[in-house]
Amino acid sequence: MEKMMEKTEAAYHLRLSEFRRFSELVFNRTGVRFDMKRYDEVRLFIADRMRIFRMTMYDQYLQYIEDDERAREVELAVERLQKMKVPAHA
């Protein structure tokens, strides 16, 4: 169990390219942009969603939201991230 947790936690390092991919996807679908000031909040949000969906890599989650035609997951991301302390730029 402990080894599994270590492996999962290691996968939760959000690379800059993944942050940009997420940010651009959100912007293209909603017009809301998350800049680098929001990196930690975005990383924590995605890590939480990955745990819920039992995903082990950011790429899996990013692919999931790219394939979500109704953009429900993107809307949820914007809603939750806007409630966090640093506001998004609209």
C-alpha atoms as a PDB file:
ATOM      1  CA  MET A   1       0.000   0.000   0.000  1.00  0.00           C
ATOM      2  CA  GLU A   2       2.787   2.419   0.901  1.00  0.00           C
ATOM      3  CA  LYS A   3       4.658   1.708  -2.357  1.00  0.00           C
ATOM      4  CA  MET A   4       1.489   2.332  -4.345  1.00  0.00           C
ATOM      5  CA  MET A   5       1.013   5.669  -2.597  1.00  0.00           C
ATOM      6  CA  GLU A   6       4.613   6.685  -3.361  1.00  0.00           C
ATOM      7  CA  LYS A   7       4.169   5.789  -7.035  1.00  0.00           C
ATOM      8  CA  THR A   8       0.911   7.741  -7.246  1.00  0.00           C
ATOM      9  CA  GLU A   9       2.326  10.796  -5.487  1.00  0.00           C
ATOM     10  CA  ALA A  10       5.335  10.801  -7.824  1.00  0.00           C
ATOM     11  CA  ALA A  11       2.967  10.963 -10.796  1.00  0.00           C
ATOM     12  CA  TYR A  12       1.405  14.146  -9.388  1.00  0.00           C
ATOM     13  CA  HIS A  13       4.283  16.425 -10.429  1.00  0.00           C
ATOM     14  CA  LEU A  14       2.608  18.745 -12.918  1.00  0.00           C
ATOM     15  CA  ARG A  15       5.018  19.718 -15.689  1.00  0.00           C
ATOM     16  CA  LEU A  16       4.869  23.201 -17.155  1.00  0.00           C
ATOM     17  CA  SER A  17       3.743  21.787 -20.509  1.00  0.00           C
ATOM     18  CA  GLU A  18       0.841  19.986 -18.788  1.00  0.00           C
ATOM     19  CA  PHE A  19      -0.146  23.158 -16.922  1.00  0.00           C
ATOM     20  CA  ARG A  20      -0.151  25.074 -20.220  1.00  0.00           C
ATOM     21  CA  ARG A  21      -2.184  22.347 -21.925  1.00  0.00           C
ATOM     22  CA  PHE A  22      -4.777  22.484 -19.126  1.00  0.00           C
ATOM     23  CA  SER A  23      -4.818  26.288 -19.085  1.00  0.00           C
ATOM     24  CA  GLU A  24      -5.261  26.540 -22.867  1.00  0.00           C
ATOM     25  CA  LEU A  25      -8.020  23.938 -22.863  1.00  0.00           C
ATOM     26  CA  VAL A  26      -9.896  25.829 -20.158  1.00  0.00           C
ATOM     27  CA  PHE A  27      -9.394  29.147 -21.967  1.00  0.00           C
ATOM     28  CA  ASN A  28     -10.539  27.759 -25.327  1.00  0.00           C
ATOM     29  CA  ARG A  29     -13.718  26.338 -23.825  1.00  0.00           C
ATOM     30  CA  THR A  30     -14.612  29.050 -21.301  1.00  0.00           C
ATOM     31  CA  GLY A  31     -12.586  32.201 -21.981  1.00  0.00           C
ATOM     32  CA  VAL A  32     -11.088  31.987 -18.482  1.00  0.00           C
ATOM     33  CA  ARG A  33      -7.293  31.937 -18.303  1.00  0.00           C
ATOM     34  CA  PHE A  34      -5.254  30.547 -15.439  1.00  0.00           C
ATOM     35  CA  ASP A  35      -1.722  31.937 -15.392  1.00  0.00           C
ATOM     36  CA  MET A  36       1.342  30.664 -13.531  1.00  0.00           C
ATOM     37  CA  LYS A  37       0.144  32.318 -10.305  1.00  0.00           C
ATOM     38  CA  ARG A  38      -2.476  29.566 -10.259  1.00  0.00           C
ATOM     39  CA  TYR A  39      -0.037  26.677 -10.769  1.00  0.00           C
ATOM     40  CA  ASP A  40      -0.373  25.276  -7.234  1.00  0.00           C
ATOM     41  CA  GLU A  41      -4.154  25.516  -7.205  1.00  0.00           C
ATOM     42  CA  VAL A  42      -4.402  23.856 -10.621  1.00  0.00           C
ATOM     43  CA  ARG A  43      -1.986  21.111  -9.572  1.00  0.00           C
ATOM     44  CA  LEU A  44      -3.975  20.387  -6.401  1.00  0.00           C
ATOM     45  CA  PHE A  45      -7.305  20.429  -8.251  1.00  0.00           C
ATOM     46  CA  ILE A  46      -6.089  18.027 -10.928  1.00  0.00           C
ATOM     47  CA  ALA A  47      -4.435  15.725  -8.371  1.00  0.00           C
ATOM     48  CA  ASP A  48      -7.731  15.570  -6.461  1.00  0.00           C
ATOM     49  CA  ARG A  49      -9.705  14.739  -9.609  1.00  0.00           C
ATOM     50  CA  MET A  50      -7.133  12.107 -10.585  1.00  0.00           C
ATOM     51  CA  ARG A  51      -7.554  10.409  -7.213  1.00  0.00           C
ATOM     52  CA  ILE A  52     -11.328  10.378  -7.674  1.00  0.00           C
ATOM     53  CA  PHE A  53     -11.008   8.849 -11.166  1.00  0.00           C
ATOM     54  CA  ARG A  54      -8.155   6.544 -10.057  1.00  0.00           C
ATOM     55  CA  MET A  55      -5.786   7.964 -12.641  1.00  0.00           C
ATOM     56  CA  THR A  56      -2.027   7.866 -12.158  1.00  0.00           C
ATOM     57  CA  MET A  57      -0.777  10.351 -14.750  1.00  0.00           C
ATOM     58  CA  TYR A  58      -1.727  13.917 -15.566  1.00  0.00           C
ATOM     59  CA  ASP A  59      -1.879  13.020 -19.234  1.00  0.00           C
ATOM     60  CA  GLN A  60      -4.785  10.655 -18.499  1.00  0.00           C
ATOM     61  CA  TYR A  61      -6.772  13.456 -16.876  1.00  0.00           C
ATOM     62  CA  LEU A  62      -5.918  15.952 -19.603  1.00  0.00           C
ATOM     63  CA  GLN A  63      -7.036  13.463 -22.242  1.00  0.00           C
ATOM     64  CA  TYR A  64     -10.247  12.870 -20.258  1.00  0.00           C
ATOM     65  CA  ILE A  65     -11.166  16.557 -20.267  1.00  0.00           C
ATOM     66  CA  GLU A  66     -10.188  16.947 -23.922  1.00  0.00           C
ATOM     67  CA  ASP A  67     -12.584  14.111 -24.786  1.00  0.00           C
ATOM     68  CA  ASP A  68     -15.412  15.563 -22.649  1.00  0.00           C
ATOM     69  CA  GLU A  69     -17.574  17.069 -25.413  1.00  0.00           C
ATOM     70  CA  ARG A  70     -20.005  18.716 -22.999  1.00  0.00           C
ATOM     71  CA  ALA A  71     -17.076  20.289 -21.076  1.00  0.00           C
ATOM     72  CA  ARG A  72     -18.599  19.447 -17.698  1.00  0.00           C
ATOM     73  CA  GLU A  73     -15.212  18.702 -16.173  1.00  0.00           C
ATOM     74  CA  VAL A  74     -13.804  21.999 -17.478  1.00  0.00           C
ATOM     75  CA  GLU A  75     -16.764  23.888 -16.036  1.00  0.00           C
ATOM     76  CA  LEU A  76     -16.224  22.160 -12.701  1.00  0.00           C
ATOM     77  CA  ALA A  77     -12.529  23.096 -12.804  1.00  0.00           C
ATOM     78  CA  VAL A  78     -13.311  26.770 -13.439  1.00  0.00           C
ATOM     79  CA  GLU A  79     -15.968  26.842 -10.730  1.00  0.00           C
ATOM     80  CA  ARG A  80     -13.721  25.282  -8.085  1.00  0.00           C
ATOM     81  CA  LEU A  81     -10.552  27.122  -9.060  1.00  0.00           C
ATOM     82  CA  GLN A  82     -12.325  30.489  -9.017  1.00  0.00           C
ATOM     83  CA  LYS A  83     -13.335  29.795  -5.409  1.00  0.00           C
ATOM     84  CA  MET A  84      -9.678  29.388  -4.436  1.00  0.00           C
ATOM     85  CA  LYS A  85      -7.750  32.392  -3.124  1.00  0.00           C
ATOM     86  CA  VAL A  86      -6.136  33.813  -6.296  1.00  0.00           C
ATOM     87  CA  PRO A  87      -8.738  34.910  -8.900  1.00  0.00           C
ATOM     88  CA  ALA A  88      -8.526  33.768 -12.493  1.00  0.00           C
ATOM     89  CA  HIS A  89      -8.218  36.314 -15.291  1.00  0.00           C
ATOM     90  CA  ALA A  90     -11.322  36.535 -17.468  1.00  0.00           C
END
